[in-house]
Amino acid sequence: MTTNKRRDRGGAGLGSHLEGNIMSKIDDLKAEIESLPSEEFAEIFQWLSERGWEKWDKEIEADSQAGRLEFLVREGREQKAKGTLKDL
């Protein structure tokens, strides 16, 4: 039995050395982004935003297919039946 939580969860057990490298890489990327001209910053911002929305869409789709959003339909129907459903 190992005491390394990363190994216990099936990870490679790489420890803080890898975490330090990842943070260094993220810090480097942040510095690069901050130094971009306005047009390039806007381009990377738009790209990241689109990626975020794509990820959100996939999560919502997966939740919907798994039935995790059925409570919203149920609440809407209940409010409609009570006459308390508001138009958007």
Protein backbone atom coordinates (compact mmCIF):
# COMPACT_ATOMS: atom_id res chain seq x y z
CA MET A 1 0.00 0.00 0.00
CA THR A 2 1.41 3.36 -0.98
CA THR A 3 1.02 6.62 0.87
CA ASN A 4 1.31 8.69 -2.30
CA LYS A 5 -2.20 9.92 -3.02
CA ARG A 6 -1.39 10.40 -6.70
CA ARG A 7 -0.58 6.72 -7.06
CA ASP A 8 -3.64 5.76 -5.06
CA ARG A 9 -5.78 7.63 -7.58
CA GLY A 10 -4.00 6.04 -10.52
CA GLY A 11 -1.67 8.99 -11.14
CA ALA A 12 1.99 8.73 -12.00
CA GLY A 13 3.10 9.93 -8.58
CA LEU A 14 5.25 12.68 -10.06
CA GLY A 15 4.98 14.90 -7.01
CA SER A 16 5.82 18.53 -6.56
CA HIS A 17 8.59 18.59 -9.19
CA LEU A 18 6.06 18.28 -12.01
CA GLU A 19 3.64 20.63 -10.27
CA GLY A 20 6.41 23.24 -10.09
CA ASN A 21 7.12 22.81 -13.81
CA ILE A 22 3.44 23.19 -14.66
CA MET A 23 3.12 26.35 -12.57
CA SER A 24 6.27 27.72 -14.15
CA LYS A 25 4.82 27.03 -17.60
CA ILE A 26 1.52 28.70 -16.65
CA ASP A 27 3.38 31.70 -15.24
CA ASP A 28 5.39 31.89 -18.47
CA LEU A 29 2.20 31.77 -20.55
CA LYS A 30 0.61 34.49 -18.43
CA ALA A 31 3.64 36.72 -18.92
CA GLU A 32 3.58 36.09 -22.67
CA ILE A 33 -0.14 36.89 -22.87
CA GLU A 34 0.32 40.09 -20.86
CA SER A 35 3.03 41.23 -23.26
CA LEU A 36 0.91 40.73 -26.41
CA PRO A 37 -0.15 43.71 -28.51
CA SER A 38 -3.84 44.60 -28.13
CA GLU A 39 -4.94 42.87 -31.33
CA GLU A 40 -3.20 39.61 -30.44
CA PHE A 41 -4.50 39.77 -26.87
CA ALA A 42 -8.04 40.16 -28.24
CA GLU A 43 -7.47 37.19 -30.55
CA ILE A 44 -6.24 34.90 -27.75
CA PHE A 45 -9.02 36.13 -25.46
CA GLN A 46 -11.63 35.29 -28.10
CA TRP A 47 -10.10 31.86 -28.69
CA LEU A 48 -10.05 31.05 -24.97
CA SER A 49 -13.60 32.30 -24.58
CA GLU A 50 -14.82 30.12 -27.44
CA ARG A 51 -13.01 27.11 -25.97
CA GLY A 52 -14.68 27.77 -22.62
CA TRP A 53 -18.15 27.97 -24.19
CA GLU A 54 -17.49 24.78 -26.19
CA LYS A 55 -16.53 22.97 -22.98
CA TRP A 56 -19.64 24.35 -21.23
CA ASP A 57 -21.86 23.18 -24.11
CA LYS A 58 -20.40 19.66 -23.88
CA GLU A 59 -20.95 19.57 -20.12
CA ILE A 60 -24.56 20.74 -20.47
CA GLU A 61 -25.18 18.18 -23.21
CA ALA A 62 -23.72 15.38 -21.07
CA ASP A 63 -25.77 16.49 -18.05
CA SER A 64 -28.91 16.61 -20.17
CA GLN A 65 -28.34 13.15 -21.64
CA ALA A 66 -27.67 11.78 -18.15
CA GLY A 67 -30.96 13.24 -16.86
CA ARG A 68 -29.28 15.63 -14.42
CA LEU A 69 -31.32 18.57 -15.72
CA GLU A 70 -34.76 16.99 -15.46
CA PHE A 71 -35.41 18.97 -12.29
CA LEU A 72 -35.45 22.15 -14.40
CA VAL A 73 -38.17 20.78 -16.67
CA ARG A 74 -40.12 19.64 -13.62
CA GLU A 75 -39.81 23.05 -11.94
CA GLY A 76 -40.90 24.82 -15.13
CA ARG A 77 -43.96 22.63 -15.49
CA GLU A 78 -44.86 23.13 -11.83
CA GLN A 79 -44.57 26.91 -12.16
CA LYS A 80 -46.62 26.88 -15.36
CA ALA A 81 -49.35 24.84 -13.64
CA LYS A 82 -49.40 27.29 -10.73
CA GLY A 83 -49.44 30.26 -13.09
CA THR A 84 -46.19 31.60 -11.65
CA LEU A 85 -44.00 30.98 -14.70
CA LYS A 86 -42.44 34.26 -15.84
CA ASP A 87 -41.72 35.22 -19.44
CA LEU A 88 -38.12 35.95 -20.25
